[in-house]
Protein backbone atom coordinates (compact mmCIF):
# COMPACT_ATOMS: atom_id res chain seq x y z
CA UNK A 1 282.24 4.87 297.54
CA UNK A 2 283.45 8.46 297.89
CA UNK A 3 285.17 10.16 294.98
CA UNK A 4 287.71 12.55 296.53
CA UNK A 5 288.88 14.01 293.20
CA UNK A 6 288.04 13.99 289.48
CA UNK A 7 290.02 14.86 286.38
CA UNK A 8 287.25 15.37 283.84
CA UNK A 9 285.36 12.06 283.56
CA UNK A 10 288.11 10.14 285.39
CA UNK A 11 287.13 9.65 289.02
CA UNK A 12 289.76 8.92 291.65
CA UNK A 13 288.35 6.35 294.09
CA UNK A 14 289.79 5.29 297.41
CA UNK A 15 290.40 1.71 296.21
CA UNK A 16 290.16 1.35 292.42
CA UNK A 17 291.90 4.34 290.83
CA UNK A 18 293.27 6.09 293.90
CA UNK A 19 296.00 8.59 294.53
CA UNK A 20 298.56 9.02 297.30
CA UNK A 21 299.35 12.69 296.91
CA UNK A 22 299.35 15.84 294.86
CA UNK A 23 302.31 18.10 294.20
CA UNK A 24 301.61 21.57 292.88
CA UNK A 25 304.26 23.90 291.46
CA UNK A 26 303.50 27.54 290.67
CA UNK A 27 306.16 29.81 289.20
CA UNK A 28 305.97 33.51 288.41
CA UNK A 29 308.25 36.04 286.72
CA UNK A 30 309.69 39.15 288.27
CA UNK A 31 311.69 41.76 286.35
CA UNK A 32 314.53 43.46 288.16
CA UNK A 33 314.69 47.23 287.79
CA UNK A 34 318.07 48.77 288.65
CA UNK A 35 317.96 51.71 291.04
CA UNK A 36 320.60 54.16 292.24
CA UNK A 37 321.47 54.24 295.91
CA UNK A 38 319.43 51.26 297.06
CA UNK A 39 318.27 47.76 296.38
CA UNK A 40 316.97 47.02 292.90
CA UNK A 41 313.19 47.05 292.60
CA UNK A 42 311.12 44.09 291.43
CA UNK A 43 308.11 44.23 289.15
CA UNK A 44 305.80 41.27 288.68
CA UNK A 45 305.41 40.45 284.98
CA UNK A 46 303.00 37.52 285.19
CA UNK A 47 302.70 33.86 285.89
CA UNK A 48 304.94 31.34 284.17
CA UNK A 49 303.58 27.95 285.00
CA UNK A 50 301.04 26.13 287.17
CA UNK A 51 301.73 22.40 287.16
CA UNK A 52 300.34 19.52 289.21
CA UNK A 53 301.70 16.02 289.65
CA UNK A 54 299.39 13.30 290.96
CA UNK A 55 300.87 10.04 292.19
CA UNK A 56 298.92 6.92 292.99
CA UNK A 57 298.96 3.16 293.26
CA UNK A 58 296.47 0.73 291.80
CA UNK A 59 296.12 -2.98 292.48
CA UNK A 60 294.43 -4.26 289.29
CA UNK A 61 293.83 -7.86 290.45
CA UNK A 62 292.04 -6.82 293.63
CA UNK A 63 290.33 -3.54 292.74
CA UNK A 64 290.75 -2.82 289.00
CA UNK A 65 291.78 0.61 287.78
CA UNK A 66 293.85 -0.21 284.69
CA UNK A 67 290.96 0.72 282.36
CA UNK A 68 290.77 4.18 283.96
CA UNK A 69 294.53 4.63 283.60
CA UNK A 70 294.24 3.68 279.92
CA UNK A 71 291.43 6.25 279.56
CA UNK A 72 293.67 8.94 281.06
CA UNK A 73 296.43 7.92 278.64
CA UNK A 74 293.95 8.18 275.74
CA UNK A 75 292.84 11.66 276.87
CA UNK A 76 296.49 12.71 276.99
CA UNK A 77 297.11 11.40 273.47
CA UNK A 78 294.01 13.21 272.20
CA UNK A 79 295.06 16.53 273.76
CA UNK A 80 291.93 16.76 275.91
CA UNK A 81 291.45 19.76 278.21
CA UNK A 82 289.92 18.55 281.49
CA UNK A 83 288.76 20.16 284.76
CA UNK A 84 290.40 19.09 288.02
CA UNK A 85 288.06 19.29 291.04
CA UNK A 86 287.95 17.79 294.54
CA UNK A 87 285.09 16.64 296.74
CA UNK A 88 286.09 19.37 299.22
CA UNK A 89 285.08 21.97 296.63
CA UNK A 90 288.54 22.92 295.33
CA UNK A 91 288.36 23.80 291.65
CA UNK A 92 291.88 23.74 290.24
CA UNK A 93 290.67 24.82 286.80
CA UNK A 94 291.20 23.34 283.35
CA UNK A 95 294.29 21.20 282.75
CA UNK A 96 296.03 19.26 280.03
CA UNK A 97 297.80 15.97 280.66
CA UNK A 98 301.47 16.38 279.79
CA UNK A 99 302.55 12.91 280.79
CA UNK A 100 301.54 9.56 282.23
CA UNK A 101 304.27 7.45 283.84
CA UNK A 102 303.83 4.07 285.44
CA UNK A 103 305.91 1.41 287.15
CA UNK A 104 304.43 -2.09 287.13
CA UNK A 105 305.37 -4.72 289.73
CA UNK A 106 304.65 -8.34 290.66
CA UNK A 107 303.35 -9.67 287.34
CA UNK A 108 301.19 -12.78 287.25
CA UNK A 109 301.65 -15.77 284.90
CA UNK A 110 299.89 -13.87 282.08
CA UNK A 111 302.10 -10.80 282.48
CA UNK A 112 299.49 -8.58 284.18
CA UNK A 113 300.75 -6.37 287.00
CA UNK A 114 299.47 -6.88 290.52
CA UNK A 115 300.70 -3.43 291.57
CA UNK A 116 300.95 -0.36 289.33
CA UNK A 117 302.39 2.96 290.51
CA UNK A 118 301.38 5.88 288.28
CA UNK A 119 302.25 9.56 288.00
CA UNK A 120 300.21 12.11 286.05
CA UNK A 121 301.79 15.42 285.02
CA UNK A 122 299.19 18.14 284.47
CA UNK A 123 299.61 21.73 283.37
CA UNK A 124 297.05 24.49 283.80
CA UNK A 125 295.31 25.42 280.55
CA UNK A 126 294.60 29.12 280.20
CA UNK A 127 293.26 29.25 276.66
CA UNK A 128 289.56 29.15 275.83
CA UNK A 129 286.57 29.70 278.04
CA UNK A 130 286.46 28.33 281.57
CA UNK A 131 283.38 28.41 283.74
CA UNK A 132 281.75 26.21 286.37
CA UNK A 133 279.23 25.18 283.70
CA UNK A 134 282.04 23.93 281.44
CA UNK A 135 283.25 21.74 284.31
CA UNK A 136 279.79 20.25 284.80
CA UNK A 137 279.43 19.66 281.07
CA UNK A 138 282.75 17.80 280.98
CA UNK A 139 281.93 15.70 284.04
CA UNK A 140 278.36 14.77 283.19
CA UNK A 141 278.21 15.16 279.40
């Protein structure tokens, strides 16, 4: 089964722990410099934020996936810094998990959800060393 994307050791699969889409927000700062006789000039002062939101749906009864979601929640609680990479070769860099939201639907007699919609909020981590080797070390131990 193909793994289209991985957040550290957490592999997104097409059926078990899948995702529907990715939203990426990048914001930068620009300082305005007043000028006489024309439009004010702008000077770039650096990046502000690089955030990613991943949304997905899991069907625990049919395909599993709740254990992986719990692992992601544990990594978030531990403050883990994880690489985000895709099968297509996109390396989004190192990220922290700022939040895990989920909506559970259609519970069985034991209270387990049959459908679970999740959203992960990630923010780019710029501290510490980042290299392709650090990504491999995180993925494969």
